[in-house]
Amino acid sequence: MSAETLLIDLGGTNLRAGVGNPQSLKVSDVKKFPIRTNDDFYKALDSINSEARCDEIIISAAGPCENNKISMTNRNLSISGTDVEKRLGASECYLLNDWESIGYSLPLMKDNDLKTIKPGNLDLQNTCLAIGPGTGLGFSVLRYVKNTPYVYATELGNTKSFNAYFSKLFEVDNNLEFLVLEDFLSGSGIKKIFNEKSGENLTPEEVVSSYGNNDLATFVIDKFVVGLGVLLSDLALTFNAKGGIFFAGSIMRTISEMNAINMLKDNFENHHSEAHNEILKNISINLINKEHTPLYGNLNYSVIRRLHE
């Protein structure tokens, strides 16, 4: 068996796989497989590992990870690390929540892997936040304990305490449709809010691309950015995120190119306390541009987990 690590990132539509070298921290032989059924997932695993023959496998997927098992939130599939080990004849298989993986990728980032949205302190050896409004709202926290990084995945998108604020912000009052935070702050939230206010069933990408040309789309995206800035401000102070905040995903990549992004910066720093306003001014907000981020996060976890033991 190879001493390298088989890296798997399973999304709602595709599986991406690569082979990671724990010494060089390089990922090679990246391949993409469309996954339509659960059988497709296991067939792809068999095919990949018959070539790679890796003794260690790290898999990231969307869903809470408990006891090395993940029940995915974007497809009807439960994955067990023990079952994968038996099927592939590997010695070890570890499962990570997808945003846990993105958090572990942060210490590997170089300057050219990041785009600055708001300048400030950027220190990947300090507490950092990773967040992404995609299909849902992903969020994880990178913290250091005795100089060793630990990443904590969260279920921020399924919290309820911000509902009243966002219902008022977006001027929606359908309590049966807007139940948790990601019903407002996510790609599916953008789609849902636009549909609630117009009756039109546009994709999130169509709403975003209509910004500046459609009054309702402009309203939705403006409020989305304002609300995101307020949320990030609270999260930055909650976790004392002096290392920086990091976005991932195509929605924020697009919005970061729009004038609306300036409202995120303004609302992020808008605190009545001068001392806390200064803390927020010193925190950078960045966009991750690195390709195959979860695969690199999986690889870094392969190295770091040994420090946790």
C-alpha atoms as a PDB file:
ATOM      1  CA  MET A   1       0.000   0.000   0.000  1.00  0.00           C
ATOM      2  CA  SER A   2       1.139   3.571  -0.696  1.00  0.00           C
ATOM      3  CA  ALA A   3       2.370   5.804   2.128  1.00  0.00           C
ATOM      4  CA  GLU A   4       0.449   8.661   0.511  1.00  0.00           C
ATOM      5  CA  THR A   5      -3.096   9.562   1.524  1.00  0.00           C
ATOM      6  CA  LEU A   6      -6.216   9.206  -0.593  1.00  0.00           C
ATOM      7  CA  LEU A   7      -8.219  12.445  -0.381  1.00  0.00           C
ATOM      8  CA  ILE A   8     -11.935  12.526  -1.164  1.00  0.00           C
ATOM      9  CA  ASP A   9     -14.328  15.492  -1.218  1.00  0.00           C
ATOM     10  CA  LEU A  10     -17.953  14.483  -1.767  1.00  0.00           C
ATOM     11  CA  GLY A  11     -20.423  17.177  -2.769  1.00  0.00           C
ATOM     12  CA  GLY A  12     -24.052  17.052  -3.735  1.00  0.00           C
ATOM     13  CA  THR A  13     -23.257  16.455  -7.427  1.00  0.00           C
ATOM     14  CA  ASN A  14     -19.608  15.500  -7.829  1.00  0.00           C
ATOM     15  CA  LEU A  15     -16.841  13.663  -6.038  1.00  0.00           C
ATOM     16  CA  ARG A  16     -13.295  14.992  -6.276  1.00  0.00           C
ATOM     17  CA  ALA A  17     -10.361  12.791  -5.413  1.00  0.00           C
ATOM     18  CA  GLY A  18      -6.613  13.281  -5.239  1.00  0.00           C
ATOM     19  CA  VAL A  19      -3.512  11.731  -3.758  1.00  0.00           C
ATOM     20  CA  GLY A  20      -1.787  13.697  -1.018  1.00  0.00           C
ATOM     21  CA  ASN A  21       1.835  13.596   0.088  1.00  0.00           C
ATOM     22  CA  PRO A  22       2.076  14.317   3.847  1.00  0.00           C
ATOM     23  CA  GLN A  23       5.728  15.382   3.549  1.00  0.00           C
ATOM     24  CA  SER A  24       5.461  17.867   0.691  1.00  0.00           C
ATOM     25  CA  LEU A  25       1.805  18.787   1.403  1.00  0.00           C
ATOM     26  CA  LYS A  26       1.140  18.503  -2.331  1.00  0.00           C
ATOM     27  CA  VAL A  27      -1.984  17.059  -3.933  1.00  0.00           C
ATOM     28  CA  SER A  28      -1.720  15.274  -7.280  1.00  0.00           C
ATOM     29  CA  ASP A  29      -3.839  13.217  -9.702  1.00  0.00           C
ATOM     30  CA  VAL A  30      -7.024  15.185  -8.957  1.00  0.00           C
ATOM     31  CA  LYS A  31     -10.048  13.660 -10.676  1.00  0.00           C
ATOM     32  CA  LYS A  32     -13.755  14.497 -10.726  1.00  0.00           C
ATOM     33  CA  PHE A  33     -16.550  11.929 -10.803  1.00  0.00           C
ATOM     34  CA  PRO A  34     -20.262  12.730 -11.238  1.00  0.00           C
ATOM     35  CA  ILE A  35     -22.211  11.087  -8.412  1.00  0.00           C
ATOM     36  CA  ARG A  36     -25.890  10.527  -9.158  1.00  0.00           C
ATOM     37  CA  THR A  37     -26.638   7.650  -6.799  1.00  0.00           C
ATOM     38  CA  ASN A  38     -25.159   6.231  -3.608  1.00  0.00           C
ATOM     39  CA  ASP A  39     -23.883   3.258  -5.598  1.00  0.00           C
ATOM     40  CA  ASP A  40     -21.933   5.721  -7.774  1.00  0.00           C
ATOM     41  CA  PHE A  41     -20.080   6.879  -4.649  1.00  0.00           C
ATOM     42  CA  TYR A  42     -18.899   3.419  -3.688  1.00  0.00           C
ATOM     43  CA  LYS A  43     -18.059   2.459  -7.279  1.00  0.00           C
ATOM     44  CA  ALA A  44     -15.950   5.620  -7.579  1.00  0.00           C
ATOM     45  CA  LEU A  45     -14.156   4.778  -4.315  1.00  0.00           C
ATOM     46  CA  ASP A  46     -13.389   1.270  -5.582  1.00  0.00           C
ATOM     47  CA  SER A  47     -12.072   2.602  -8.887  1.00  0.00           C
ATOM     48  CA  ILE A  48      -9.952   5.338  -7.307  1.00  0.00           C
ATOM     49  CA  ASN A  49      -8.323   3.171  -4.672  1.00  0.00           C
ATOM     50  CA  SER A  50      -7.641   0.297  -7.050  1.00  0.00           C
ATOM     51  CA  GLU A  51      -5.169   2.691  -8.709  1.00  0.00           C
ATOM     52  CA  ALA A  52      -3.952   4.701  -5.700  1.00  0.00           C
ATOM     53  CA  ARG A  53      -3.757   1.811  -3.186  1.00  0.00           C
ATOM     54  CA  CYS A  54      -3.493   4.190  -0.246  1.00  0.00           C
ATOM     55  CA  ASP A  55      -3.521   2.862   3.296  1.00  0.00           C
ATOM     56  CA  GLU A  56      -5.059   6.060   4.724  1.00  0.00           C
ATOM     57  CA  ILE A  57      -8.208   7.754   3.404  1.00  0.00           C
ATOM     58  CA  ILE A  58      -9.612  11.163   4.428  1.00  0.00           C
ATOM     59  CA  ILE A  59     -13.141  11.985   3.243  1.00  0.00           C
ATOM     60  CA  SER A  60     -14.915  15.340   3.597  1.00  0.00           C
ATOM     61  CA  ALA A  61     -18.669  15.660   3.056  1.00  0.00           C
ATOM     62  CA  ALA A  62     -21.541  17.984   3.935  1.00  0.00           C
ATOM     63  CA  GLY A  63     -23.111  16.941   7.210  1.00  0.00           C
ATOM     64  CA  PRO A  64     -22.439  16.654  10.930  1.00  0.00           C
ATOM     65  CA  CYS A  65     -19.649  14.181  11.744  1.00  0.00           C
ATOM     66  CA  GLU A  66     -20.174  12.001  14.825  1.00  0.00           C
ATOM     67  CA  ASN A  67     -18.114   8.937  15.759  1.00  0.00           C
ATOM     68  CA  ASN A  68     -16.451   8.962  12.325  1.00  0.00           C
ATOM     69  CA  LYS A  69     -19.831   8.823  10.564  1.00  0.00           C
ATOM     70  CA  ILE A  70     -21.521  11.450   8.417  1.00  0.00           C
ATOM     71  CA  SER A  71     -25.172  11.628   7.384  1.00  0.00           C
ATOM     72  CA  MET A  72     -25.045  13.981   4.435  1.00  0.00           C
ATOM     73  CA  THR A  73     -27.350  16.978   4.274  1.00  0.00           C
ATOM     74  CA  ASN A  74     -27.272  17.416   0.470  1.00  0.00           C
ATOM     75  CA  ARG A  75     -27.962  13.791  -0.502  1.00  0.00           C
ATOM     76  CA  ASN A  76     -29.477  10.711   1.111  1.00  0.00           C
ATOM     77  CA  LEU A  77     -26.235   9.009   2.086  1.00  0.00           C
ATOM     78  CA  SER A  78     -24.637   7.942   5.347  1.00  0.00           C
ATOM     79  CA  ILE A  79     -20.903   7.233   5.340  1.00  0.00           C
ATOM     80  CA  SER A  80     -19.018   5.229   7.943  1.00  0.00           C
ATOM     81  CA  GLY A  81     -15.222   5.393   8.139  1.00  0.00           C
ATOM     82  CA  THR A  82     -15.164   1.805   9.433  1.00  0.00           C
ATOM     83  CA  ASP A  83     -17.244   0.568   6.488  1.00  0.00           C
ATOM     84  CA  VAL A  84     -14.957   2.342   4.000  1.00  0.00           C
ATOM     85  CA  GLU A  85     -11.867   0.785   5.648  1.00  0.00           C
ATOM     86  CA  LYS A  86     -13.352  -2.698   5.276  1.00  0.00           C
ATOM     87  CA  ARG A  87     -14.496  -2.158   1.713  1.00  0.00           C
ATOM     88  CA  LEU A  88     -11.178  -0.779   0.464  1.00  0.00           C
ATOM     89  CA  GLY A  89      -8.821  -2.762   2.684  1.00  0.00           C
ATOM     90  CA  ALA A  90      -7.369   0.459   4.140  1.00  0.00           C
ATOM     91  CA  SER A  91      -5.943   0.715   7.635  1.00  0.00           C
ATOM     92  CA  GLU A  92      -7.534   4.079   8.426  1.00  0.00           C
ATOM     93  CA  CYS A  93     -10.383   6.214   7.094  1.00  0.00           C
ATOM     94  CA  TYR A  94     -11.287   9.522   8.725  1.00  0.00           C
ATOM     95  CA  LEU A  95     -14.360  11.614   7.945  1.00  0.00           C
ATOM     96  CA  LEU A  96     -14.560  15.406   8.158  1.00  0.00           C
ATOM     97  CA  ASN A  97     -17.421  17.823   7.821  1.00  0.00           C
ATOM     98  CA  ASP A  98     -16.797  19.828   4.630  1.00  0.00           C
ATOM     99  CA  TRP A  99     -16.268  23.082   6.555  1.00  0.00           C
ATOM    100  CA  GLU A 100     -13.998  21.369   9.039  1.00  0.00           C
ATOM    101  CA  SER A 101     -11.880  20.454   6.028  1.00  0.00           C
ATOM    102  CA  ILE A 102     -11.881  24.033   4.723  1.00  0.00           C
ATOM    103  CA  GLY A 103     -10.774  25.203   8.170  1.00  0.00           C
ATOM    104  CA  TYR A 104      -7.821  22.809   8.084  1.00  0.00           C
ATOM    105  CA  SER A 105      -6.828  24.163   4.669  1.00  0.00           C
ATOM    106  CA  LEU A 106      -6.259  27.690   6.039  1.00  0.00           C
ATOM    107  CA  PRO A 107      -2.756  27.105   7.494  1.00  0.00           C
ATOM    108  CA  LEU A 108      -1.612  26.030   3.999  1.00  0.00           C
ATOM    109  CA  MET A 109      -2.764  29.233   2.291  1.00  0.00           C
ATOM    110  CA  LYS A 110      -0.253  31.486   0.526  1.00  0.00           C
ATOM    111  CA  ASP A 111      -0.765  35.123  -0.451  1.00  0.00           C
ATOM    112  CA  ASN A 112      -1.760  34.197  -4.006  1.00  0.00           C
ATOM    113  CA  ASP A 113      -4.445  31.804  -2.682  1.00  0.00           C
ATOM    114  CA  LEU A 114      -6.361  34.705  -1.138  1.00  0.00           C
ATOM    115  CA  LYS A 115      -8.063  37.890  -2.271  1.00  0.00           C
ATOM    116  CA  THR A 116      -8.437  40.682   0.291  1.00  0.00           C
ATOM    117  CA  ILE A 117     -11.987  41.990   0.643  1.00  0.00           C
ATOM    118  CA  LYS A 118     -11.292  44.139   3.697  1.00  0.00           C
ATOM    119  CA  PRO A 119      -7.716  44.869   4.747  1.00  0.00           C
ATOM    120  CA  GLY A 120      -6.569  44.164   8.282  1.00  0.00           C
ATOM    121  CA  ASN A 121      -4.519  41.670  10.200  1.00  0.00           C
ATOM    122  CA  LEU A 122      -4.081  38.327   8.418  1.00  0.00           C
ATOM    123  CA  ASP A 123      -2.450  35.751  10.669  1.00  0.00           C
ATOM    124  CA  LEU A 124      -3.072  32.093   9.880  1.00  0.00           C
ATOM    125  CA  GLN A 125      -1.399  31.142  13.155  1.00  0.00           C
ATOM    126  CA  ASN A 126      -4.181  32.858  15.123  1.00  0.00           C
ATOM    127  CA  THR A 127      -7.922  32.297  15.493  1.00  0.00           C
ATOM    128  CA  CYS A 128      -9.612  32.386  12.058  1.00  0.00           C
ATOM    129  CA  LEU A 129     -13.178  31.973  10.833  1.00  0.00           C
ATOM    130  CA  ALA A 130     -14.141  30.184   7.599  1.00  0.00           C
ATOM    131  CA  ILE A 131     -17.624  30.812   6.228  1.00  0.00           C
ATOM    132  CA  GLY A 132     -19.509  30.149   3.014  1.00  0.00           C
ATOM    133  CA  PRO A 133     -23.093  30.852   1.973  1.00  0.00           C
ATOM    134  CA  GLY A 134     -23.595  28.073  -0.587  1.00  0.00           C
ATOM    135  CA  THR A 135     -26.452  25.568  -0.711  1.00  0.00           C
ATOM    136  CA  GLY A 136     -26.509  26.044   3.067  1.00  0.00           C
ATOM    137  CA  LEU A 137     -24.387  28.201   5.354  1.00  0.00           C
ATOM    138  CA  GLY A 138     -21.070  26.585   6.277  1.00  0.00           C
ATOM    139  CA  PHE A 139     -18.986  27.875   9.169  1.00  0.00           C
ATOM    140  CA  SER A 140     -15.937  26.635  11.070  1.00  0.00           C
ATOM    141  CA  VAL A 141     -13.430  28.033  13.552  1.00  0.00           C
ATOM    142  CA  LEU A 142      -9.667  27.512  13.424  1.00  0.00           C
ATOM    143  CA  ARG A 143      -8.007  27.857  16.831  1.00  0.00           C
ATOM    144  CA  TYR A 144      -4.562  27.034  18.161  1.00  0.00           C
ATOM    145  CA  VAL A 145      -3.903  25.093  21.358  1.00  0.00           C
ATOM    146  CA  LYS A 146      -0.221  24.946  22.353  1.00  0.00           C
ATOM    147  CA  ASN A 147       0.682  25.953  18.769  1.00  0.00           C
ATOM    148  CA  THR A 148      -1.340  23.063  17.315  1.00  0.00           C
ATOM    149  CA  PRO A 149      -4.303  23.895  15.049  1.00  0.00           C
ATOM    150  CA  TYR A 150      -7.741  22.544  15.870  1.00  0.00           C
ATOM    151  CA  VAL A 151     -10.784  23.137  13.684  1.00  0.00           C
ATOM    152  CA  TYR A 152     -14.290  23.159  15.083  1.00  0.00           C
ATOM    153  CA  ALA A 153     -17.122  22.579  12.626  1.00  0.00           C
ATOM    154  CA  THR A 154     -20.424  24.224  13.541  1.00  0.00           C
ATOM    155  CA  GLU A 155     -24.108  24.118  12.645  1.00  0.00           C
ATOM    156  CA  LEU A 156     -24.392  27.911  12.501  1.00  0.00           C
ATOM    157  CA  GLY A 157     -26.689  27.704   9.484  1.00  0.00           C
ATOM    158  CA  ASN A 158     -29.308  25.869  11.535  1.00  0.00           C
ATOM    159  CA  THR A 159     -29.440  28.364  14.406  1.00  0.00           C
ATOM    160  CA  LYS A 160     -32.532  30.484  15.043  1.00  0.00           C
ATOM    161  CA  SER A 161     -31.487  33.454  17.171  1.00  0.00           C
ATOM    162  CA  PHE A 162     -30.984  35.791  14.170  1.00  0.00           C
ATOM    163  CA  ASN A 163     -34.385  35.076  12.592  1.00  0.00           C
ATOM    164  CA  ALA A 164     -36.167  38.190  13.854  1.00  0.00           C
ATOM    165  CA  TYR A 165     -33.372  40.474  12.630  1.00  0.00           C
ATOM    166  CA  PHE A 166     -33.247  38.927   9.140  1.00  0.00           C
ATOM    167  CA  SER A 167     -37.035  38.734   8.767  1.00  0.00           C
ATOM    168  CA  LYS A 168     -37.167  42.488   9.392  1.00  0.00           C
ATOM    169  CA  LEU A 169     -34.135  43.170   7.183  1.00  0.00           C
ATOM    170  CA  PHE A 170     -35.552  41.298   4.170  1.00  0.00           C
ATOM    171  CA  GLU A 171     -39.160  42.320   4.955  1.00  0.00           C
ATOM    172  CA  VAL A 172     -40.490  38.757   5.001  1.00  0.00           C
ATOM    173  CA  ASP A 173     -42.806  37.291   7.634  1.00  0.00           C
ATOM    174  CA  ASN A 174     -43.408  33.724   6.443  1.00  0.00           C
ATOM    175  CA  ASN A 175     -42.362  31.886   9.592  1.00  0.00           C
ATOM    176  CA  LEU A 176     -43.054  28.500   8.004  1.00  0.00           C
ATOM    177  CA  GLU A 177     -40.462  29.026   5.267  1.00  0.00           C
ATOM    178  CA  PHE A 178     -37.783  31.002   7.109  1.00  0.00           C
ATOM    179  CA  LEU A 179     -36.945  28.842  10.103  1.00  0.00           C
ATOM    180  CA  VAL A 180     -33.159  29.054  10.496  1.00  0.00           C
ATOM    181  CA  LEU A 181     -30.266  31.345   9.573  1.00  0.00           C
ATOM    182  CA  GLU A 182     -29.404  29.636   6.284  1.00  0.00           C
ATOM    183  CA  ASP A 183     -32.975  30.249   5.065  1.00  0.00           C
ATOM    184  CA  PHE A 184     -31.776  33.860   4.788  1.00  0.00           C
ATOM    185  CA  LEU A 185     -27.982  33.691   4.325  1.00  0.00           C
ATOM    186  CA  SER A 186     -27.229  31.100   1.652  1.00  0.00           C
ATOM    187  CA  GLY A 187     -27.694  30.552  -2.044  1.00  0.00           C
ATOM    188  CA  SER A 188     -30.956  28.744  -1.339  1.00  0.00           C
ATOM    189  CA  GLY A 189     -31.890  31.659   0.951  1.00  0.00           C
ATOM    190  CA  ILE A 190     -31.399  34.176  -1.861  1.00  0.00           C
ATOM    191  CA  LYS A 191     -33.612  32.031  -4.088  1.00  0.00           C
ATOM    192  CA  LYS A 192     -36.236  31.605  -1.362  1.00  0.00           C
ATOM    193  CA  ILE A 193     -36.420  35.321  -0.464  1.00  0.00           C
ATOM    194  CA  PHE A 194     -36.680  36.380  -4.102  1.00  0.00           C
ATOM    195  CA  ASN A 195     -39.447  33.821  -4.688  1.00  0.00           C
ATOM    196  CA  GLU A 196     -41.315  34.854  -1.529  1.00  0.00           C
ATOM    197  CA  LYS A 197     -41.362  38.510  -2.624  1.00  0.00           C
ATOM    198  CA  SER A 198     -41.941  38.047  -6.368  1.00  0.00           C
ATOM    199  CA  GLY A 199     -43.375  34.592  -7.012  1.00  0.00           C
ATOM    200  CA  GLU A 200     -40.576  34.031  -9.551  1.00  0.00           C
ATOM    201  CA  ASN A 201     -38.494  30.883  -9.280  1.00  0.00           C
ATOM    202  CA  LEU A 202     -35.018  32.127 -10.208  1.00  0.00           C
ATOM    203  CA  THR A 203     -31.778  30.373  -9.293  1.00  0.00           C
ATOM    204  CA  PRO A 204     -29.434  32.113  -6.835  1.00  0.00           C
ATOM    205  CA  GLU A 205     -27.046  32.751  -9.729  1.00  0.00           C
ATOM    206  CA  GLU A 206     -29.814  34.398 -11.751  1.00  0.00           C
ATOM    207  CA  VAL A 207     -30.737  36.663  -8.842  1.00  0.00           C
ATOM    208  CA  VAL A 208     -27.111  37.663  -8.274  1.00  0.00           C
ATOM    209  CA  SER A 209     -26.524  38.295 -11.994  1.00  0.00           C
ATOM    210  CA  SER A 210     -29.613  40.537 -12.096  1.00  0.00           C
ATOM    211  CA  TYR A 211     -28.096  42.892  -9.536  1.00  0.00           C
ATOM    212  CA  GLY A 212     -28.334  46.502 -10.726  1.00  0.00           C
ATOM    213  CA  ASN A 213     -30.830  45.619 -13.479  1.00  0.00           C
ATOM    214  CA  ASN A 214     -33.695  44.274 -11.384  1.00  0.00           C
ATOM    215  CA  ASP A 215     -34.902  46.308  -8.387  1.00  0.00           C
ATOM    216  CA  LEU A 216     -35.907  43.300  -6.302  1.00  0.00           C
ATOM    217  CA  ALA A 217     -32.688  41.404  -7.033  1.00  0.00           C
ATOM    218  CA  THR A 218     -30.726  44.509  -6.062  1.00  0.00           C
ATOM    219  CA  PHE A 219     -32.743  44.817  -2.832  1.00  0.00           C
ATOM    220  CA  VAL A 220     -32.170  41.145  -1.931  1.00  0.00           C
ATOM    221  CA  ILE A 221     -28.412  41.234  -2.576  1.00  0.00           C
ATOM    222  CA  ASP A 222     -27.921  44.571  -0.817  1.00  0.00           C
ATOM    223  CA  LYS A 223     -29.727  43.287   2.284  1.00  0.00           C
ATOM    224  CA  PHE A 224     -27.854  39.974   2.048  1.00  0.00           C
ATOM    225  CA  VAL A 225     -24.516  41.794   2.151  1.00  0.00           C
ATOM    226  CA  VAL A 226     -25.616  44.149   4.954  1.00  0.00           C
ATOM    227  CA  GLY A 227     -26.861  41.229   7.054  1.00  0.00           C
ATOM    228  CA  LEU A 228     -23.736  39.205   6.385  1.00  0.00           C
ATOM    229  CA  GLY A 229     -21.602  42.115   7.575  1.00  0.00           C
ATOM    230  CA  VAL A 230     -23.593  42.369  10.825  1.00  0.00           C
ATOM    231  CA  LEU A 231     -23.398  38.602  11.402  1.00  0.00           C
ATOM    232  CA  LEU A 232     -19.653  38.507  10.766  1.00  0.00           C
ATOM    233  CA  SER A 233     -19.120  41.381  13.170  1.00  0.00           C
ATOM    234  CA  ASP A 234     -20.848  39.425  15.937  1.00  0.00           C
ATOM    235  CA  LEU A 235     -18.946  36.236  15.094  1.00  0.00           C
ATOM    236  CA  ALA A 236     -15.609  38.049  14.963  1.00  0.00           C
ATOM    237  CA  LEU A 237     -16.161  39.453  18.450  1.00  0.00           C
ATOM    238  CA  THR A 238     -17.545  36.155  19.776  1.00  0.00           C
ATOM    239  CA  PHE A 239     -14.451  34.204  18.733  1.00  0.00           C
ATOM    240  CA  ASN A 240     -11.948  37.085  18.872  1.00  0.00           C
ATOM    241  CA  ALA A 241     -10.965  36.216  15.302  1.00  0.00           C
ATOM    242  CA  LYS A 242      -7.722  38.187  15.126  1.00  0.00           C
ATOM    243  CA  GLY A 243      -6.334  35.907  12.421  1.00  0.00           C
ATOM    244  CA  GLY A 244      -8.967  36.918   9.858  1.00  0.00           C
ATOM    245  CA  ILE A 245     -12.218  35.832   8.219  1.00  0.00           C
ATOM    246  CA  PHE A 246     -12.210  33.671   5.073  1.00  0.00           C
ATOM    247  CA  PHE A 247     -14.984  33.193   2.519  1.00  0.00           C
ATOM    248  CA  ALA A 248     -15.222  30.205   0.196  1.00  0.00           C
ATOM    249  CA  GLY A 249     -17.676  29.467  -2.600  1.00  0.00           C
ATOM    250  CA  SER A 250     -18.890  30.843  -5.907  1.00  0.00           C
ATOM    251  CA  ILE A 251     -21.586  33.161  -4.520  1.00  0.00           C
ATOM    252  CA  MET A 252     -19.147  35.212  -2.490  1.00  0.00           C
ATOM    253  CA  ARG A 253     -16.635  35.105  -5.334  1.00  0.00           C
ATOM    254  CA  THR A 254     -19.214  36.855  -7.531  1.00  0.00           C
ATOM    255  CA  ILE A 255     -20.478  39.277  -4.879  1.00  0.00           C
ATOM    256  CA  SER A 256     -16.912  40.272  -3.969  1.00  0.00           C
ATOM    257  CA  GLU A 257     -16.614  41.818  -7.444  1.00  0.00           C
ATOM    258  CA  MET A 258     -19.737  43.955  -6.977  1.00  0.00           C
ATOM    259  CA  ASN A 259     -20.105  47.409  -5.419  1.00  0.00           C
ATOM    260  CA  ALA A 260     -22.431  45.865  -2.840  1.00  0.00           C
ATOM    261  CA  ILE A 261     -19.415  44.356  -1.065  1.00  0.00           C
ATOM    262  CA  ASN A 262     -18.625  47.823   0.356  1.00  0.00           C
ATOM    263  CA  MET A 263     -21.747  47.572   2.513  1.00  0.00           C
ATOM    264  CA  LEU A 264     -20.341  44.425   4.102  1.00  0.00           C
ATOM    265  CA  LYS A 265     -17.235  46.317   5.184  1.00  0.00           C
ATOM    266  CA  ASP A 266     -19.249  49.279   6.504  1.00  0.00           C
ATOM    267  CA  ASN A 267     -21.624  47.132   8.549  1.00  0.00           C
ATOM    268  CA  PHE A 268     -18.839  44.886   9.824  1.00  0.00           C
ATOM    269  CA  GLU A 269     -17.075  47.824  11.473  1.00  0.00           C
ATOM    270  CA  ASN A 270     -20.217  49.600  12.669  1.00  0.00           C
ATOM    271  CA  HIS A 271     -19.972  49.172  16.457  1.00  0.00           C
ATOM    272  CA  HIS A 272     -21.008  51.786  19.038  1.00  0.00           C
ATOM    273  CA  SER A 273     -17.974  51.017  21.219  1.00  0.00           C
ATOM    274  CA  GLU A 274     -14.790  52.688  20.006  1.00  0.00           C
ATOM    275  CA  ALA A 275     -12.630  49.918  21.476  1.00  0.00           C
ATOM    276  CA  HIS A 276     -14.608  47.146  19.758  1.00  0.00           C
ATOM    277  CA  ASN A 277     -14.809  49.130  16.548  1.00  0.00           C
ATOM    278  CA  GLU A 278     -11.004  49.237  16.572  1.00  0.00           C
ATOM    279  CA  ILE A 279     -10.849  45.446  17.038  1.00  0.00           C
ATOM    280  CA  LEU A 280     -13.116  44.975  14.009  1.00  0.00           C
ATOM    281  CA  LYS A 281     -11.116  47.423  11.876  1.00  0.00           C
ATOM    282  CA  ASN A 282      -8.029  45.298  12.517  1.00  0.00           C
ATOM    283  CA  ILE A 283      -9.631  42.038  11.321  1.00  0.00           C
ATOM    284  CA  SER A 284      -9.174  41.218   7.646  1.00  0.00           C
ATOM    285  CA  ILE A 285     -11.865  39.635   5.465  1.00  0.00           C
ATOM    286  CA  ASN A 286     -10.586  37.472   2.610  1.00  0.00           C
ATOM    287  CA  LEU A 287     -11.791  35.283  -0.236  1.00  0.00           C
ATOM    288  CA  ILE A 288     -10.205  31.860  -0.792  1.00  0.00           C
ATOM    289  CA  ASN A 289      -9.183  31.378  -4.428  1.00  0.00           C
ATOM    290  CA  LYS A 290      -7.222  28.150  -3.970  1.00  0.00           C
ATOM    291  CA  GLU A 291      -8.397  25.235  -6.117  1.00  0.00           C
ATOM    292  CA  HIS A 292      -9.454  21.971  -4.456  1.00  0.00           C
ATOM    293  CA  THR A 293      -9.469  23.579  -1.014  1.00  0.00           C
ATOM    294  CA  PRO A 294     -11.181  20.627   0.765  1.00  0.00           C
ATOM    295  CA  LEU A 295      -8.585  18.184  -0.589  1.00  0.00           C
ATOM    296  CA  TYR A 296      -5.782  20.292   0.866  1.00  0.00           C
ATOM    297  CA  GLY A 297      -7.726  20.553   4.121  1.00  0.00           C
ATOM    298  CA  ASN A 298      -8.056  16.769   4.212  1.00  0.00           C
ATOM    299  CA  LEU A 299      -4.324  16.412   3.613  1.00  0.00           C
ATOM    300  CA  ASN A 300      -3.430  18.890   6.339  1.00  0.00           C
ATOM    301  CA  TYR A 301      -5.746  17.063   8.736  1.00  0.00           C
ATOM    302  CA  SER A 302      -3.887  13.832   7.932  1.00  0.00           C
ATOM    303  CA  VAL A 303      -0.707  15.481   9.220  1.00  0.00           C
ATOM    304  CA  ILE A 304      -2.200  17.455  12.108  1.00  0.00           C
ATOM    305  CA  ARG A 305      -4.364  14.689  13.566  1.00  0.00           C
ATOM    306  CA  ARG A 306      -1.183  12.946  14.717  1.00  0.00           C
ATOM    307  CA  LEU A 307      -0.404  16.013  16.814  1.00  0.00           C
ATOM    308  CA  HIS A 308      -3.835  15.719  18.408  1.00  0.00           C
ATOM    309  CA  GLU A 309      -3.164  12.190  19.630  1.00  0.00           C
END
